Structures are given as structure tokens and as C-alpha cells.
PDB file of N, CA and C in Angstrom:
ATOM      1  N   UNK A   1       0.854  -1.185   0.000  1.00  0.00           N
ATOM      2  CA  UNK A   1       0.000   0.000   0.000  1.00  0.00           C
ATOM      3  C   UNK A   1       0.896   1.243   0.000  1.00  0.00           C
ATOM      4  N   UNK A   2       0.689   2.098  -0.970  1.00  0.00           N
ATOM      5  CA  UNK A   2       1.492   3.318  -1.087  1.00  0.00           C
ATOM      6  C   UNK A   2       0.876   4.427  -0.248  1.00  0.00           C
ATOM      7  N   UNK A   3       1.728   5.184   0.413  1.00  0.00           N
ATOM      8  CA  UNK A   3       1.262   6.310   1.235  1.00  0.00           C
ATOM      9  C   UNK A   3       1.251   7.560   0.370  1.00  0.00           C
ATOM     10  N   UNK A   4       0.143   8.275   0.378  1.00  0.00           N
ATOM     11  CA  UNK A   4      -0.001   9.483  -0.424  1.00  0.00           C
ATOM     12  C   UNK A   4       0.112  10.696   0.495  1.00  0.00           C
ATOM     13  N   UNK A   5       1.113  11.527   0.294  1.00  0.00           N
ATOM     14  CA  UNK A   5       1.340  12.705   1.127  1.00  0.00           C
ATOM     15  C   UNK A   5       1.083  14.002   0.364  1.00  0.00           C
ATOM     16  N   UNK A   6       0.237  13.955  -0.665  1.00  0.00           N
ATOM     17  CA  UNK A   6      -0.046  15.144  -1.476  1.00  0.00           C
ATOM     18  C   UNK A   6      -0.576  16.313  -0.655  1.00  0.00           C
ATOM     19  N   UNK A   7      -1.305  16.019   0.412  1.00  0.00           N
ATOM     20  CA  UNK A   7      -1.871  17.112   1.216  1.00  0.00           C
ATOM     21  C   UNK A   7      -0.781  17.955   1.876  1.00  0.00           C
ATOM     22  N   UNK A   8       0.444  17.414   1.972  1.00  0.00           N
ATOM     23  CA  UNK A   8       1.546  18.151   2.575  1.00  0.00           C
ATOM     24  C   UNK A   8       2.430  18.842   1.537  1.00  0.00           C
ATOM     25  N   UNK A   9       2.112  18.710   0.278  1.00  0.00           N
ATOM     26  CA  UNK A   9       2.946  19.251  -0.795  1.00  0.00           C
ATOM     27  C   UNK A   9       3.048  20.777  -0.729  1.00  0.00           C
ATOM     28  N   UNK A  10       2.011  21.441  -0.307  1.00  0.00           N
ATOM     29  CA  UNK A  10       1.998  22.900  -0.256  1.00  0.00           C
ATOM     30  C   UNK A  10       2.634  23.448   1.014  1.00  0.00           C
ATOM     31  N   UNK A  11       2.730  22.659   2.054  1.00  0.00           N
ATOM     32  CA  UNK A  11       3.259  23.145   3.325  1.00  0.00           C
ATOM     33  C   UNK A  11       2.208  23.963   4.064  1.00  0.00           C
ATOM     34  N   UNK A  12       2.596  24.478   5.199  1.00  0.00           N
ATOM     35  CA  UNK A  12       1.681  25.299   5.994  1.00  0.00           C
ATOM     36  C   UNK A  12       1.556  26.676   5.379  1.00  0.00           C
ATOM     37  N   UNK A  13       0.386  27.342   5.565  1.00  0.00           N
ATOM     38  CA  UNK A  13       0.253  28.693   5.037  1.00  0.00           C
ATOM     39  C   UNK A  13       1.245  29.647   5.700  1.00  0.00           C
ATOM     40  N   UNK A  14       1.719  30.613   4.962  1.00  0.00           N
ATOM     41  CA  UNK A  14       2.660  31.600   5.484  1.00  0.00           C
ATOM     42  C   UNK A  14       1.880  32.605   6.337  1.00  0.00           C
ATOM     43  N   UNK A  15       2.213  32.742   7.631  1.00  0.00           N
ATOM     44  CA  UNK A  15       1.493  33.684   8.493  1.00  0.00           C
ATOM     45  C   UNK A  15       1.581  35.126   7.992  1.00  0.00           C
ATOM     46  N   UNK A  16       2.613  35.457   7.235  1.00  0.00           N
ATOM     47  CA  UNK A  16       2.745  36.821   6.726  1.00  0.00           C
ATOM     48  C   UNK A  16       1.705  37.125   5.649  1.00  0.00           C
ATOM     49  N   UNK A  17       1.095  36.080   5.076  1.00  0.00           N
ATOM     50  CA  UNK A  17       0.077  36.274   4.055  1.00  0.00           C
ATOM     51  C   UNK A  17      -1.321  36.415   4.641  1.00  0.00           C
ATOM     52  N   UNK A  18      -1.464  36.243   5.948  1.00  0.00           N
ATOM     53  CA  UNK A  18      -2.778  36.325   6.589  1.00  0.00           C
ATOM     54  C   UNK A  18      -3.308  37.757   6.492  1.00  0.00           C
ATOM     55  N   UNK A  19      -4.594  37.859   6.264  1.00  0.00           N
ATOM     56  CA  UNK A  19      -5.241  39.163   6.117  1.00  0.00           C
ATOM     57  C   UNK A  19      -5.493  39.793   7.488  1.00  0.00           C
ATOM     58  N   UNK A  20      -5.220  41.090   7.611  1.00  0.00           N
ATOM     59  CA  UNK A  20      -5.532  41.832   8.836  1.00  0.00           C
ATOM     60  C   UNK A  20      -7.037  42.064   8.838  1.00  0.00           C
ATOM     61  N   UNK A  21      -7.707  41.554   9.871  1.00  0.00           N
ATOM     62  CA  UNK A  21      -9.162  41.648   9.950  1.00  0.00           C
ATOM     63  C   UNK A  21      -9.625  42.812  10.830  1.00  0.00           C
ATOM     64  N   UNK A  22      -8.825  43.164  11.844  1.00  0.00           N
ATOM     65  CA  UNK A  22      -9.216  44.222  12.779  1.00  0.00           C
ATOM     66  C   UNK A  22      -7.986  44.614  13.593  1.00  0.00           C
ATOM     67  N   UNK A  23      -8.176  45.577  14.475  1.00  0.00           N
ATOM     68  CA  UNK A  23      -7.131  45.993  15.407  1.00  0.00           C
ATOM     69  C   UNK A  23      -7.663  45.835  16.822  1.00  0.00           C
ATOM     70  N   UNK A  24      -6.826  45.319  17.712  1.00  0.00           N
ATOM     71  CA  UNK A  24      -7.206  45.083  19.091  1.00  0.00           C
ATOM     72  C   UNK A  24      -7.351  46.416  19.822  1.00  0.00           C
ATOM     73  N   UNK A  25      -8.473  46.581  20.510  1.00  0.00           N
ATOM     74  CA  UNK A  25      -8.708  47.814  21.268  1.00  0.00           C
ATOM     75  C   UNK A  25      -7.921  47.842  22.579  1.00  0.00           C
ATOM     76  N   UNK A  26      -7.373  46.708  22.975  1.00  0.00           N
ATOM     77  CA  UNK A  26      -6.584  46.649  24.207  1.00  0.00           C
ATOM     78  C   UNK A  26      -5.140  47.033  23.985  1.00  0.00           C
ATOM     79  N   UNK A  27      -4.516  46.419  22.970  1.00  0.00           N
ATOM     80  CA  UNK A  27      -3.083  46.650  22.747  1.00  0.00           C
ATOM     81  C   UNK A  27      -2.789  47.419  21.463  1.00  0.00           C
ATOM     82  N   UNK A  28      -3.774  47.513  20.565  1.00  0.00           N
ATOM     83  CA  UNK A  28      -3.591  48.252  19.325  1.00  0.00           C
ATOM     84  C   UNK A  28      -2.953  47.454  18.196  1.00  0.00           C
ATOM     85  N   UNK A  29      -2.560  46.193  18.461  1.00  0.00           N
ATOM     86  CA  UNK A  29      -1.924  45.382  17.423  1.00  0.00           C
ATOM     87  C   UNK A  29      -2.968  44.809  16.460  1.00  0.00           C
ATOM     88  N   UNK A  30      -2.467  44.325  15.339  1.00  0.00           N
ATOM     89  CA  UNK A  30      -3.329  43.748  14.311  1.00  0.00           C
ATOM     90  C   UNK A  30      -3.900  42.407  14.753  1.00  0.00           C
ATOM     91  N   UNK A  31      -5.124  42.133  14.337  1.00  0.00           N
ATOM     92  CA  UNK A  31      -5.759  40.835  14.543  1.00  0.00           C
ATOM     93  C   UNK A  31      -5.904  40.216  13.167  1.00  0.00           C
ATOM     94  N   UNK A  32      -5.342  39.015  13.010  1.00  0.00           N
ATOM     95  CA  UNK A  32      -5.289  38.369  11.707  1.00  0.00           C
ATOM     96  C   UNK A  32      -6.401  37.351  11.536  1.00  0.00           C
ATOM     97  N   UNK A  33      -6.668  37.051  10.295  1.00  0.00           N
ATOM     98  CA  UNK A  33      -7.625  36.032   9.900  1.00  0.00           C
ATOM     99  C   UNK A  33      -7.334  34.734  10.655  1.00  0.00           C
ATOM    100  N   UNK A  34      -8.363  34.148  11.250  1.00  0.00           N
ATOM    101  CA  UNK A  34      -8.227  32.879  11.949  1.00  0.00           C
ATOM    102  C   UNK A  34      -7.842  32.973  13.409  1.00  0.00           C
ATOM    103  N   UNK A  35      -7.521  34.158  13.927  1.00  0.00           N
ATOM    104  CA  UNK A  35      -7.156  34.299  15.337  1.00  0.00           C
ATOM    105  C   UNK A  35      -8.391  34.254  16.219  1.00  0.00           C
ATOM    106  N   UNK A  36      -8.222  33.765  17.439  1.00  0.00           N
ATOM    107  CA  UNK A  36      -9.292  33.792  18.432  1.00  0.00           C
ATOM    108  C   UNK A  36      -9.344  35.180  19.054  1.00  0.00           C
ATOM    109  N   UNK A  37     -10.556  35.652  19.345  1.00  0.00           N
ATOM    110  CA  UNK A  37     -10.736  36.993  19.915  1.00  0.00           C
ATOM    111  C   UNK A  37     -11.799  36.967  21.000  1.00  0.00           C
ATOM    112  N   UNK A  38     -11.765  37.978  21.868  1.00  0.00           N
ATOM    113  CA  UNK A  38     -12.862  38.290  22.777  1.00  0.00           C
ATOM    114  C   UNK A  38     -13.665  39.396  22.105  1.00  0.00           C
ATOM    115  N   UNK A  39     -14.986  39.366  22.278  1.00  0.00           N
ATOM    116  CA  UNK A  39     -15.839  40.461  21.820  1.00  0.00           C
ATOM    117  C   UNK A  39     -16.601  40.954  23.042  1.00  0.00           C
ATOM    118  N   UNK A  40     -16.358  42.198  23.441  1.00  0.00           N
ATOM    119  CA  UNK A  40     -16.979  42.796  24.617  1.00  0.00           C
ATOM    120  C   UNK A  40     -17.792  43.996  24.156  1.00  0.00           C
ATOM    121  N   UNK A  41     -19.117  43.876  24.202  1.00  0.00           N
ATOM    122  CA  UNK A  41     -20.008  44.954  23.756  1.00  0.00           C
ATOM    123  C   UNK A  41     -19.627  45.446  22.363  1.00  0.00           C
ATOM    124  N   UNK A  42     -19.316  44.523  21.455  1.00  0.00           N
ATOM    125  CA  UNK A  42     -18.983  44.868  20.084  1.00  0.00           C
ATOM    126  C   UNK A  42     -17.533  45.269  19.856  1.00  0.00           C
ATOM    127  N   UNK A  43     -16.736  45.325  20.907  1.00  0.00           N
ATOM    128  CA  UNK A  43     -15.314  45.683  20.809  1.00  0.00           C
ATOM    129  C   UNK A  43     -14.506  44.399  20.663  1.00  0.00           C
ATOM    130  N   UNK A  44     -13.585  44.365  19.708  1.00  0.00           N
ATOM    131  CA  UNK A  44     -12.796  43.167  19.435  1.00  0.00           C
ATOM    132  C   UNK A  44     -11.427  43.279  20.091  1.00  0.00           C
ATOM    133  N   UNK A  45     -11.058  42.217  20.821  1.00  0.00           N
ATOM    134  CA  UNK A  45      -9.787  42.150  21.540  1.00  0.00           C
ATOM    135  C   UNK A  45      -9.122  40.811  21.247  1.00  0.00           C
ATOM    136  N   UNK A  46      -7.787  40.765  21.288  1.00  0.00           N
ATOM    137  CA  UNK A  46      -7.098  39.478  21.220  1.00  0.00           C
ATOM    138  C   UNK A  46      -7.623  38.598  22.356  1.00  0.00           C
ATOM    139  N   UNK A  47      -7.648  37.305  22.159  1.00  0.00           N
ATOM    140  CA  UNK A  47      -8.086  36.377  23.207  1.00  0.00           C
ATOM    141  C   UNK A  47      -6.935  36.145  24.182  1.00  0.00           C
ATOM    142  N   UNK A  48      -6.475  37.221  24.772  1.00  0.00           N
ATOM    143  CA  UNK A  48      -5.376  37.195  25.737  1.00  0.00           C
ATOM    144  C   UNK A  48      -5.772  38.029  26.948  1.00  0.00           C
ATOM    145  N   UNK A  49      -5.394  37.543  28.130  1.00  0.00           N
ATOM    146  CA  UNK A  49      -5.741  38.235  29.369  1.00  0.00           C
ATOM    147  C   UNK A  49      -5.211  39.677  29.374  1.00  0.00           C
ATOM    148  N   UNK A  50      -3.985  39.893  28.907  1.00  0.00           N
ATOM    149  CA  UNK A  50      -3.387  41.228  28.932  1.00  0.00           C
ATOM    150  C   UNK A  50      -4.209  42.232  28.122  1.00  0.00           C
ATOM    151  N   UNK A  51      -4.695  41.821  26.960  1.00  0.00           N
ATOM    152  CA  UNK A  51      -5.482  42.732  26.122  1.00  0.00           C
ATOM    153  C   UNK A  51      -6.820  43.067  26.781  1.00  0.00           C
ATOM    154  N   UNK A  52      -7.456  42.059  27.371  1.00  0.00           N
ATOM    155  CA  UNK A  52      -8.722  42.288  28.080  1.00  0.00           C
ATOM    156  C   UNK A  52      -8.499  43.225  29.252  1.00  0.00           C
ATOM    157  N   UNK A  53      -7.436  42.990  30.010  1.00  0.00           N
ATOM    158  CA  UNK A  53      -7.116  43.817  31.166  1.00  0.00           C
ATOM    159  C   UNK A  53      -6.826  45.259  30.752  1.00  0.00           C
ATOM    160  N   UNK A  54      -6.040  45.453  29.689  1.00  0.00           N
ATOM    161  CA  UNK A  54      -5.725  46.801  29.219  1.00  0.00           C
ATOM    162  C   UNK A  54      -6.978  47.530  28.748  1.00  0.00           C
ATOM    163  N   UNK A  55      -7.902  46.801  28.141  1.00  0.00           N
ATOM    164  CA  UNK A  55      -9.122  47.439  27.643  1.00  0.00           C
ATOM    165  C   UNK A  55     -10.029  47.898  28.774  1.00  0.00           C
ATOM    166  N   UNK A  56     -10.240  47.031  29.776  1.00  0.00           N
ATOM    167  CA  UNK A  56     -11.174  47.413  30.834  1.00  0.00           C
ATOM    168  C   UNK A  56     -10.542  48.359  31.842  1.00  0.00           C
ATOM    169  N   UNK A  57      -9.200  48.356  31.973  1.00  0.00           N
ATOM    170  CA  UNK A  57      -8.469  49.263  32.863  1.00  0.00           C
ATOM    171  C   UNK A  57      -9.183  49.436  34.201  1.00  0.00           C
ATOM    172  N   UNK A  58      -9.227  48.386  34.997  1.00  0.00           N
ATOM    173  CA  UNK A  58     -10.012  48.440  36.236  1.00  0.00           C
ATOM    174  C   UNK A  58      -9.432  49.385  37.278  1.00  0.00           C
ATOM    175  N   UNK A  59     -10.343  49.978  38.029  1.00  0.00           N
ATOM    176  CA  UNK A  59      -9.957  50.772  39.191  1.00  0.00           C
ATOM    177  C   UNK A  59     -10.185  49.879  40.401  1.00  0.00           C
ATOM    178  N   UNK A  60      -9.137  49.635  41.160  1.00  0.00           N
ATOM    179  CA  UNK A  60      -9.270  48.771  42.319  1.00  0.00           C
ATOM    180  C   UNK A  60      -9.779  49.579  43.499  1.00  0.00           C
ATOM    181  N   UNK A  61     -10.802  49.037  44.171  1.00  0.00           N
ATOM    182  CA  UNK A  61     -11.394  49.692  45.334  1.00  0.00           C
ATOM    183  C   UNK A  61     -12.125  48.641  46.146  1.00  0.00           C
ATOM    184  N   UNK A  62     -12.548  49.026  47.324  1.00  0.00           N
ATOM    185  CA  UNK A  62     -13.340  48.107  48.138  1.00  0.00           C
ATOM    186  C   UNK A  62     -14.771  48.102  47.623  1.00  0.00           C
ATOM    187  N   UNK A  63     -15.531  47.099  48.002  1.00  0.00           N
ATOM    188  CA  UNK A  63     -16.933  47.031  47.592  1.00  0.00           C
ATOM    189  C   UNK A  63     -17.727  48.202  48.178  1.00  0.00           C
ATOM    190  N   UNK A  64     -17.351  48.625  49.371  1.00  0.00           N
ATOM    191  CA  UNK A  64     -18.036  49.772  49.986  1.00  0.00           C
ATOM    192  C   UNK A  64     -17.818  51.037  49.158  1.00  0.00           C
ATOM    193  N   UNK A  65     -16.586  51.242  48.684  1.00  0.00           N
ATOM    194  CA  UNK A  65     -16.291  52.410  47.849  1.00  0.00           C
ATOM    195  C   UNK A  65     -17.061  52.327  46.532  1.00  0.00           C
ATOM    196  N   UNK A  66     -17.147  51.137  45.952  1.00  0.00           N
ATOM    197  CA  UNK A  66     -17.849  50.962  44.687  1.00  0.00           C
ATOM    198  C   UNK A  66     -19.329  51.246  44.836  1.00  0.00           C
ATOM    199  N   UNK A  67     -19.897  50.913  46.000  1.00  0.00           N
ATOM    200  CA  UNK A  67     -21.320  51.151  46.243  1.00  0.00           C
ATOM    201  C   UNK A  67     -21.596  52.534  46.821  1.00  0.00           C
ATOM    202  N   UNK A  68     -20.554  53.305  47.062  1.00  0.00           N
ATOM    203  CA  UNK A  68     -20.705  54.645  47.614  1.00  0.00           C
ATOM    204  C   UNK A  68     -21.021  54.642  49.099  1.00  0.00           C
ATOM    205  N   UNK A  69     -20.653  53.589  49.782  1.00  0.00           N
ATOM    206  CA  UNK A  69     -20.912  53.467  51.222  1.00  0.00           C
ATOM    207  C   UNK A  69     -19.636  53.742  51.982  1.00  0.00           C
ATOM    208  N   UNK A  70     -19.792  54.225  53.207  1.00  0.00           N
ATOM    209  CA  UNK A  70     -18.614  54.424  54.050  1.00  0.00           C
ATOM    210  C   UNK A  70     -18.238  53.095  54.677  1.00  0.00           C
ATOM    211  N   UNK A  71     -16.963  52.839  54.746  1.00  0.00           N
ATOM    212  CA  UNK A  71     -16.473  51.618  55.399  1.00  0.00           C
ATOM    213  C   UNK A  71     -16.722  51.713  56.886  1.00  0.00           C
ATOM    214  N   UNK A  72     -17.236  50.620  57.483  1.00  0.00           N
ATOM    215  CA  UNK A  72     -17.473  50.598  58.926  1.00  0.00           C
ATOM    216  C   UNK A  72     -16.159  50.406  59.664  1.00  0.00           C
ATOM    217  N   UNK A  73     -16.024  51.121  60.765  1.00  0.00           N
ATOM    218  CA  UNK A  73     -14.796  51.032  61.566  1.00  0.00           C
ATOM    219  C   UNK A  73     -14.990  50.139  62.751  1.00  0.00           C
TER     220      UNK A  73
END
């Protein structure tokens, strides 16, 4: 039985030929065809924690501060 490897004749696609589909709102870099992304309220981000974190830019505070309540002493 002969093994046919024709499917490998072309090799893997060149990543440099990938089409730029969008720009990440978190880091500003290009998002290429086939990449995984987060979509937050219609905003496209790389599927990476750093990009999500940069986009939301959280303000750290206590729950009391967030609710506008004074902290009990």
C-alpha cells in the first residue's frame, strides 16, 4: 500500500500572508484572519488576558467604595 502525502505538498500557510481583519482595542496590534478573539459589547480584543485587562483598565477599590458606602470602623 502506497502512502499518499499530497496534502503536505503545499506546506503550511505563510502567516505573513494572513489578512488583517481588525485591530485590538486593548493593545492596538493587528488581529489576523483565523485568530481567536474576545468580543466585549462589540469591541474586538485578542483572546489574551493582557489585552482584556488593558481594555477594561479596572480601578481597584473596596466594595463599599464601589457602592458609595462608608467603610465601617
